[in-house]
Every structure is written in C-alpha cells, then in structure tokens.
C-alpha cells in the first residue's frame, strides 16, 4: 500500500516510478519497474516481496512497526495521513491490486503485516 498526501495528483505510472526510485534497491529497480507496470507480470513483484523482501527493499528506508502498537494508528500517525486518504495498493489479491482505496478500508482487509510507504 502506498500512501502519500500527493497521491491524488499523481498518475499510477508516476506513483509506481516514485515508489521504485525511493524504496527499491538500485540493482532491483529496473526489473521491479518492469514487473509493476505490466499487468501480466505484477504478481512476480508481489511474489518476490513475499519470499525475499529484504533483498528488494532498501532497508534503510523502512520503519519497523513495533509489535505492541496498533498497526493502523502507528502507520497513520507515522505517515501523517487520515483514514480517508487514498492509497495505491500493490497486492497478491486481484480484488485490491492496482487500485486506489482509502487507508482505513484497506487496512482492515490486510493481515497484521503490511507495508505502507
């Protein structure tokens, strides 16, 4: 899930490019961008995250969510967003992948581990 105040001013392509540039390791960017921008390949990116996320993301750009915190509130406060703010979703599930959803609605549909960038 990608949440940012400026998301409504960006196209999906811009959101994906921005996400890849900011959070993906340099040597994984080209492949990640290719997979995320091709509908038939998107699942390859999600699968890599599920199996090997620490070799895809720049760990220095991530924030660990403490286990004892309410994930929804922690992420909302950390990103300075509202529950009604739109987020762009990257998911293994077709019903949510490549869609814009409000943060509160989507956060109730996910398990206890997810990324909000």
N, C-alpha and C. Protein backbone atom coordinates (compact mmCIF):
# COMPACT_ATOMS: atom_id res chain seq x y z
N UNK A 1 0.85 -1.15 0.00
CA UNK A 1 0.00 0.00 0.00
C UNK A 1 0.90 1.23 0.00
N UNK A 2 0.66 2.12 -0.90
CA UNK A 2 1.45 3.35 -0.99
C UNK A 2 0.53 4.51 -0.66
N UNK A 3 0.82 5.18 0.43
CA UNK A 3 0.00 6.31 0.88
C UNK A 3 0.87 7.55 0.97
N UNK A 4 0.38 8.62 0.40
CA UNK A 4 1.07 9.89 0.47
C UNK A 4 0.06 10.99 0.23
N UNK A 5 0.30 12.14 0.80
CA UNK A 5 -0.62 13.27 0.64
C UNK A 5 -0.80 13.65 -0.83
N UNK A 6 0.22 13.49 -1.64
CA UNK A 6 0.17 13.96 -3.03
C UNK A 6 -0.34 12.90 -4.00
N UNK A 7 -0.83 11.76 -3.50
CA UNK A 7 -1.22 10.67 -4.38
C UNK A 7 -2.32 11.05 -5.36
N UNK A 8 -3.24 11.91 -4.97
CA UNK A 8 -4.34 12.26 -5.87
C UNK A 8 -3.89 13.12 -7.05
N UNK A 9 -2.69 13.68 -6.96
CA UNK A 9 -2.16 14.50 -8.04
C UNK A 9 -1.27 13.71 -8.98
N UNK A 10 -1.10 12.41 -8.73
CA UNK A 10 -0.17 11.60 -9.49
C UNK A 10 -0.90 10.52 -10.29
N UNK A 11 -0.34 10.15 -11.43
CA UNK A 11 -0.87 9.02 -12.19
C UNK A 11 -0.33 7.73 -11.57
N UNK A 12 -0.93 6.61 -11.91
CA UNK A 12 -0.43 5.33 -11.41
C UNK A 12 1.04 5.13 -11.82
N UNK A 13 1.35 5.48 -13.04
CA UNK A 13 2.72 5.34 -13.53
C UNK A 13 3.68 6.17 -12.67
N UNK A 14 3.31 7.40 -12.36
CA UNK A 14 4.16 8.26 -11.52
C UNK A 14 4.31 7.69 -10.11
N UNK A 15 3.22 7.16 -9.58
CA UNK A 15 3.27 6.57 -8.24
C UNK A 15 4.23 5.39 -8.23
N UNK A 16 4.12 4.52 -9.21
CA UNK A 16 4.98 3.34 -9.28
C UNK A 16 6.44 3.75 -9.46
N UNK A 17 6.70 4.68 -10.36
CA UNK A 17 8.07 5.14 -10.59
C UNK A 17 8.65 5.76 -9.32
N UNK A 18 7.88 6.57 -8.64
CA UNK A 18 8.31 7.21 -7.41
C UNK A 18 8.60 6.16 -6.33
N UNK A 19 7.71 5.21 -6.18
CA UNK A 19 7.88 4.11 -5.23
C UNK A 19 9.17 3.34 -5.50
N UNK A 20 9.36 2.94 -6.74
CA UNK A 20 10.55 2.17 -7.11
C UNK A 20 11.81 2.98 -6.85
N UNK A 21 11.82 4.22 -7.26
CA UNK A 21 13.00 5.08 -7.10
C UNK A 21 13.35 5.29 -5.62
N UNK A 22 12.34 5.45 -4.79
CA UNK A 22 12.60 5.76 -3.38
C UNK A 22 12.87 4.55 -2.49
N UNK A 23 12.25 3.41 -2.79
CA UNK A 23 12.27 2.32 -1.82
C UNK A 23 12.93 1.02 -2.30
N UNK A 24 13.11 0.85 -3.58
CA UNK A 24 13.67 -0.40 -4.09
C UNK A 24 15.18 -0.25 -4.24
N UNK A 25 15.90 -1.33 -3.92
CA UNK A 25 17.35 -1.32 -4.08
C UNK A 25 17.71 -1.00 -5.53
N UNK A 26 18.78 -0.27 -5.69
CA UNK A 26 19.18 0.22 -7.02
C UNK A 26 19.29 -0.90 -8.05
N UNK A 27 19.88 -2.01 -7.66
CA UNK A 27 20.07 -3.11 -8.61
C UNK A 27 18.79 -3.91 -8.89
N UNK A 28 17.70 -3.56 -8.23
CA UNK A 28 16.41 -4.24 -8.45
C UNK A 28 15.37 -3.32 -9.08
N UNK A 29 15.73 -2.08 -9.30
CA UNK A 29 14.74 -1.09 -9.78
C UNK A 29 14.21 -1.38 -11.17
N UNK A 30 15.07 -1.65 -12.11
CA UNK A 30 14.62 -1.84 -13.49
C UNK A 30 13.65 -3.02 -13.58
N UNK A 31 14.01 -4.12 -12.98
CA UNK A 31 13.14 -5.30 -13.01
C UNK A 31 11.83 -5.02 -12.28
N UNK A 32 11.90 -4.38 -11.12
CA UNK A 32 10.70 -4.07 -10.34
C UNK A 32 9.76 -3.16 -11.11
N UNK A 33 10.32 -2.14 -11.74
CA UNK A 33 9.50 -1.22 -12.53
C UNK A 33 8.83 -1.94 -13.69
N UNK A 34 9.59 -2.79 -14.36
CA UNK A 34 9.03 -3.58 -15.47
C UNK A 34 7.86 -4.43 -14.98
N UNK A 35 8.06 -5.14 -13.89
CA UNK A 35 7.01 -6.03 -13.38
C UNK A 35 5.78 -5.25 -12.93
N UNK A 36 5.98 -4.15 -12.25
CA UNK A 36 4.85 -3.38 -11.73
C UNK A 36 4.05 -2.67 -12.82
N UNK A 37 4.67 -2.40 -13.93
CA UNK A 37 3.97 -1.67 -15.00
C UNK A 37 3.39 -2.59 -16.07
N UNK A 38 3.55 -3.89 -15.92
CA UNK A 38 2.98 -4.85 -16.87
C UNK A 38 2.00 -5.76 -16.12
N UNK A 39 0.71 -5.63 -16.42
CA UNK A 39 -0.31 -6.38 -15.68
C UNK A 39 -0.05 -7.88 -15.56
N UNK A 40 0.50 -8.48 -16.61
CA UNK A 40 0.75 -9.92 -16.56
C UNK A 40 1.95 -10.28 -15.68
N UNK A 41 2.76 -9.29 -15.31
CA UNK A 41 3.99 -9.54 -14.54
C UNK A 41 3.90 -9.06 -13.09
N UNK A 42 2.87 -8.31 -12.75
CA UNK A 42 2.77 -7.71 -11.40
C UNK A 42 2.90 -8.74 -10.29
N UNK A 43 2.32 -9.91 -10.52
CA UNK A 43 2.37 -10.94 -9.48
C UNK A 43 3.81 -11.39 -9.19
N UNK A 44 4.70 -11.26 -10.16
CA UNK A 44 6.11 -11.63 -9.93
C UNK A 44 6.74 -10.72 -8.89
N UNK A 45 6.40 -9.44 -8.94
CA UNK A 45 6.92 -8.50 -7.96
C UNK A 45 6.39 -8.84 -6.57
N UNK A 46 5.10 -9.06 -6.46
CA UNK A 46 4.49 -9.41 -5.17
C UNK A 46 5.07 -10.70 -4.61
N UNK A 47 5.25 -11.67 -5.48
CA UNK A 47 5.82 -12.95 -5.04
C UNK A 47 7.23 -12.77 -4.51
N UNK A 48 8.02 -11.92 -5.16
CA UNK A 48 9.38 -11.67 -4.68
C UNK A 48 9.35 -11.01 -3.31
N UNK A 49 8.40 -10.11 -3.11
CA UNK A 49 8.27 -9.47 -1.79
C UNK A 49 7.92 -10.49 -0.73
N UNK A 50 7.04 -11.40 -1.05
CA UNK A 50 6.64 -12.41 -0.08
C UNK A 50 7.79 -13.34 0.29
N UNK A 51 8.61 -13.66 -0.68
CA UNK A 51 9.69 -14.62 -0.46
C UNK A 51 11.01 -14.00 -0.04
N UNK A 52 11.24 -12.74 -0.44
CA UNK A 52 12.59 -12.21 -0.33
C UNK A 52 12.61 -10.69 -0.20
N UNK A 53 11.70 -10.11 0.57
CA UNK A 53 11.54 -8.66 0.62
C UNK A 53 12.80 -7.92 1.02
N UNK A 54 13.61 -8.51 1.88
CA UNK A 54 14.81 -7.81 2.35
C UNK A 54 15.86 -7.65 1.26
N UNK A 55 15.70 -8.38 0.16
CA UNK A 55 16.61 -8.23 -0.98
C UNK A 55 15.98 -7.41 -2.11
N UNK A 56 14.85 -6.81 -1.83
CA UNK A 56 14.16 -5.96 -2.80
C UNK A 56 14.13 -4.52 -2.30
N UNK A 57 13.75 -4.35 -1.04
CA UNK A 57 13.65 -3.01 -0.45
C UNK A 57 14.97 -2.52 0.10
N UNK A 58 15.15 -1.21 0.03
CA UNK A 58 16.27 -0.56 0.71
C UNK A 58 15.88 -0.50 2.18
N UNK A 59 16.45 -1.36 2.97
CA UNK A 59 16.11 -1.50 4.38
C UNK A 59 16.22 -0.18 5.14
N UNK A 60 17.16 0.67 4.73
CA UNK A 60 17.36 1.96 5.40
C UNK A 60 16.18 2.91 5.25
N UNK A 61 15.29 2.62 4.31
CA UNK A 61 14.14 3.49 4.06
C UNK A 61 12.86 2.98 4.72
N UNK A 62 12.95 1.86 5.42
CA UNK A 62 11.78 1.27 6.05
C UNK A 62 11.77 1.55 7.54
N UNK A 63 10.59 1.54 8.12
CA UNK A 63 10.43 1.73 9.56
C UNK A 63 9.76 0.48 10.12
N UNK A 64 10.35 -0.08 11.13
CA UNK A 64 9.79 -1.24 11.78
C UNK A 64 8.57 -0.83 12.59
N UNK A 65 7.49 -1.58 12.45
CA UNK A 65 6.28 -1.32 13.22
C UNK A 65 6.38 -2.15 14.49
N UNK A 66 6.43 -1.50 15.64
CA UNK A 66 6.53 -2.25 16.90
C UNK A 66 5.36 -3.22 17.07
N UNK A 67 5.65 -4.41 17.54
CA UNK A 67 4.62 -5.45 17.70
C UNK A 67 3.50 -5.05 18.64
N UNK A 68 3.81 -4.27 19.63
CA UNK A 68 2.79 -3.93 20.62
C UNK A 68 1.93 -2.74 20.21
N UNK A 69 2.22 -2.12 19.09
CA UNK A 69 1.44 -0.97 18.64
C UNK A 69 0.26 -1.39 17.78
N UNK A 70 -0.75 -0.54 17.76
CA UNK A 70 -1.88 -0.69 16.86
C UNK A 70 -1.34 -0.30 15.47
N UNK A 71 -1.26 -1.25 14.58
CA UNK A 71 -0.64 -1.03 13.26
C UNK A 71 -1.32 0.12 12.52
N UNK A 72 -2.64 0.11 12.48
CA UNK A 72 -3.38 1.16 11.78
C UNK A 72 -3.01 2.54 12.31
N UNK A 73 -3.05 2.72 13.62
CA UNK A 73 -2.74 4.03 14.21
C UNK A 73 -1.27 4.39 14.02
N UNK A 74 -0.39 3.43 14.17
CA UNK A 74 1.04 3.69 14.01
C UNK A 74 1.34 4.22 12.61
N UNK A 75 0.84 3.51 11.60
CA UNK A 75 1.11 3.90 10.21
C UNK A 75 0.44 5.24 9.90
N UNK A 76 -0.77 5.41 10.33
CA UNK A 76 -1.50 6.67 10.09
C UNK A 76 -0.73 7.85 10.68
N UNK A 77 -0.26 7.70 11.90
CA UNK A 77 0.50 8.78 12.55
C UNK A 77 1.87 8.98 11.93
N UNK A 78 2.54 7.90 11.60
CA UNK A 78 3.89 7.99 11.02
C UNK A 78 3.85 8.69 9.66
N UNK A 79 2.85 8.36 8.85
CA UNK A 79 2.74 8.96 7.52
C UNK A 79 1.96 10.27 7.51
N UNK A 80 1.41 10.61 8.66
CA UNK A 80 0.62 11.84 8.79
C UNK A 80 -0.53 11.88 7.78
N UNK A 81 -1.28 10.79 7.76
CA UNK A 81 -2.43 10.70 6.86
C UNK A 81 -3.68 10.46 7.68
N UNK A 82 -4.83 10.61 7.02
CA UNK A 82 -6.13 10.34 7.64
C UNK A 82 -6.61 8.98 7.14
N UNK A 83 -7.54 8.41 7.85
CA UNK A 83 -8.10 7.13 7.43
C UNK A 83 -8.78 7.20 6.08
N UNK A 84 -9.25 8.38 5.72
CA UNK A 84 -9.95 8.55 4.44
C UNK A 84 -9.02 8.89 3.28
N UNK A 85 -7.73 9.09 3.56
CA UNK A 85 -6.78 9.39 2.48
C UNK A 85 -6.62 8.18 1.56
N UNK A 86 -6.49 8.46 0.27
CA UNK A 86 -6.34 7.39 -0.71
C UNK A 86 -4.94 6.80 -0.68
N UNK A 87 -4.88 5.51 -0.94
CA UNK A 87 -3.61 4.79 -1.05
C UNK A 87 -3.66 3.96 -2.32
N UNK A 88 -2.51 3.75 -2.90
CA UNK A 88 -2.39 2.89 -4.06
C UNK A 88 -1.92 1.53 -3.56
N UNK A 89 -2.61 0.48 -3.96
CA UNK A 89 -2.36 -0.85 -3.41
C UNK A 89 -1.61 -1.74 -4.39
N UNK A 90 -0.54 -2.36 -3.88
CA UNK A 90 0.19 -3.42 -4.59
C UNK A 90 -0.06 -4.67 -3.77
N UNK A 91 -0.68 -5.66 -4.37
CA UNK A 91 -1.11 -6.83 -3.60
C UNK A 91 -1.11 -8.08 -4.45
N UNK A 92 -1.09 -9.23 -3.80
CA UNK A 92 -1.24 -10.52 -4.49
C UNK A 92 -2.70 -10.79 -4.82
N UNK A 93 -3.60 -10.01 -4.25
CA UNK A 93 -5.03 -10.25 -4.42
C UNK A 93 -5.61 -9.33 -5.49
N UNK A 94 -6.22 -9.94 -6.49
CA UNK A 94 -6.75 -9.20 -7.63
C UNK A 94 -7.81 -8.18 -7.24
N UNK A 95 -8.56 -8.44 -6.18
CA UNK A 95 -9.63 -7.51 -5.81
C UNK A 95 -9.10 -6.20 -5.23
N UNK A 96 -7.83 -6.15 -4.83
CA UNK A 96 -7.25 -4.91 -4.30
C UNK A 96 -6.04 -4.41 -5.09
N UNK A 97 -5.37 -5.29 -5.81
CA UNK A 97 -4.15 -4.88 -6.52
C UNK A 97 -4.43 -3.83 -7.59
N UNK A 98 -3.50 -2.88 -7.68
CA UNK A 98 -3.54 -1.82 -8.70
C UNK A 98 -4.78 -0.94 -8.57
N UNK A 99 -5.24 -0.78 -7.33
CA UNK A 99 -6.43 0.03 -7.08
C UNK A 99 -6.10 1.13 -6.07
N UNK A 100 -6.93 2.17 -6.10
CA UNK A 100 -6.86 3.22 -5.09
C UNK A 100 -7.94 2.90 -4.06
N UNK A 101 -7.56 2.88 -2.80
CA UNK A 101 -8.51 2.61 -1.73
C UNK A 101 -8.20 3.55 -0.58
N UNK A 102 -9.23 3.84 0.21
CA UNK A 102 -8.92 4.68 1.37
C UNK A 102 -8.16 3.82 2.40
N UNK A 103 -7.28 4.47 3.11
CA UNK A 103 -6.37 3.78 4.02
C UNK A 103 -7.12 2.94 5.05
N UNK A 104 -8.15 3.50 5.64
CA UNK A 104 -8.88 2.78 6.68
C UNK A 104 -9.54 1.53 6.13
N UNK A 105 -10.18 1.65 4.98
CA UNK A 105 -10.86 0.50 4.39
C UNK A 105 -9.87 -0.61 4.06
N UNK A 106 -8.77 -0.25 3.43
CA UNK A 106 -7.82 -1.28 3.04
C UNK A 106 -7.09 -1.87 4.24
N UNK A 107 -6.77 -1.06 5.21
CA UNK A 107 -6.02 -1.57 6.35
C UNK A 107 -6.82 -2.61 7.13
N UNK A 108 -8.14 -2.56 7.05
CA UNK A 108 -8.95 -3.57 7.73
C UNK A 108 -9.01 -4.87 6.93
N UNK A 109 -8.57 -4.83 5.66
CA UNK A 109 -8.61 -6.02 4.80
C UNK A 109 -7.30 -6.80 4.79
N UNK A 110 -6.29 -6.31 5.47
CA UNK A 110 -4.99 -6.97 5.42
C UNK A 110 -4.69 -7.67 6.72
N UNK A 111 -3.75 -8.57 6.66
CA UNK A 111 -3.31 -9.28 7.86
C UNK A 111 -2.54 -8.32 8.74
N UNK A 112 -1.86 -8.84 9.72
CA UNK A 112 -1.18 -7.96 10.67
C UNK A 112 0.19 -7.50 10.19
N UNK A 113 0.58 -7.84 8.99
CA UNK A 113 1.85 -7.37 8.45
C UNK A 113 1.62 -6.80 7.06
N UNK A 114 2.00 -5.56 6.88
CA UNK A 114 1.94 -4.95 5.56
C UNK A 114 2.87 -3.74 5.54
N UNK A 115 3.07 -3.23 4.36
CA UNK A 115 3.92 -2.06 4.20
C UNK A 115 3.08 -0.88 3.77
N UNK A 116 3.29 0.23 4.39
CA UNK A 116 2.64 1.46 3.97
C UNK A 116 3.76 2.45 3.76
N UNK A 117 3.91 2.90 2.55
CA UNK A 117 5.05 3.76 2.21
C UNK A 117 4.59 5.14 1.81
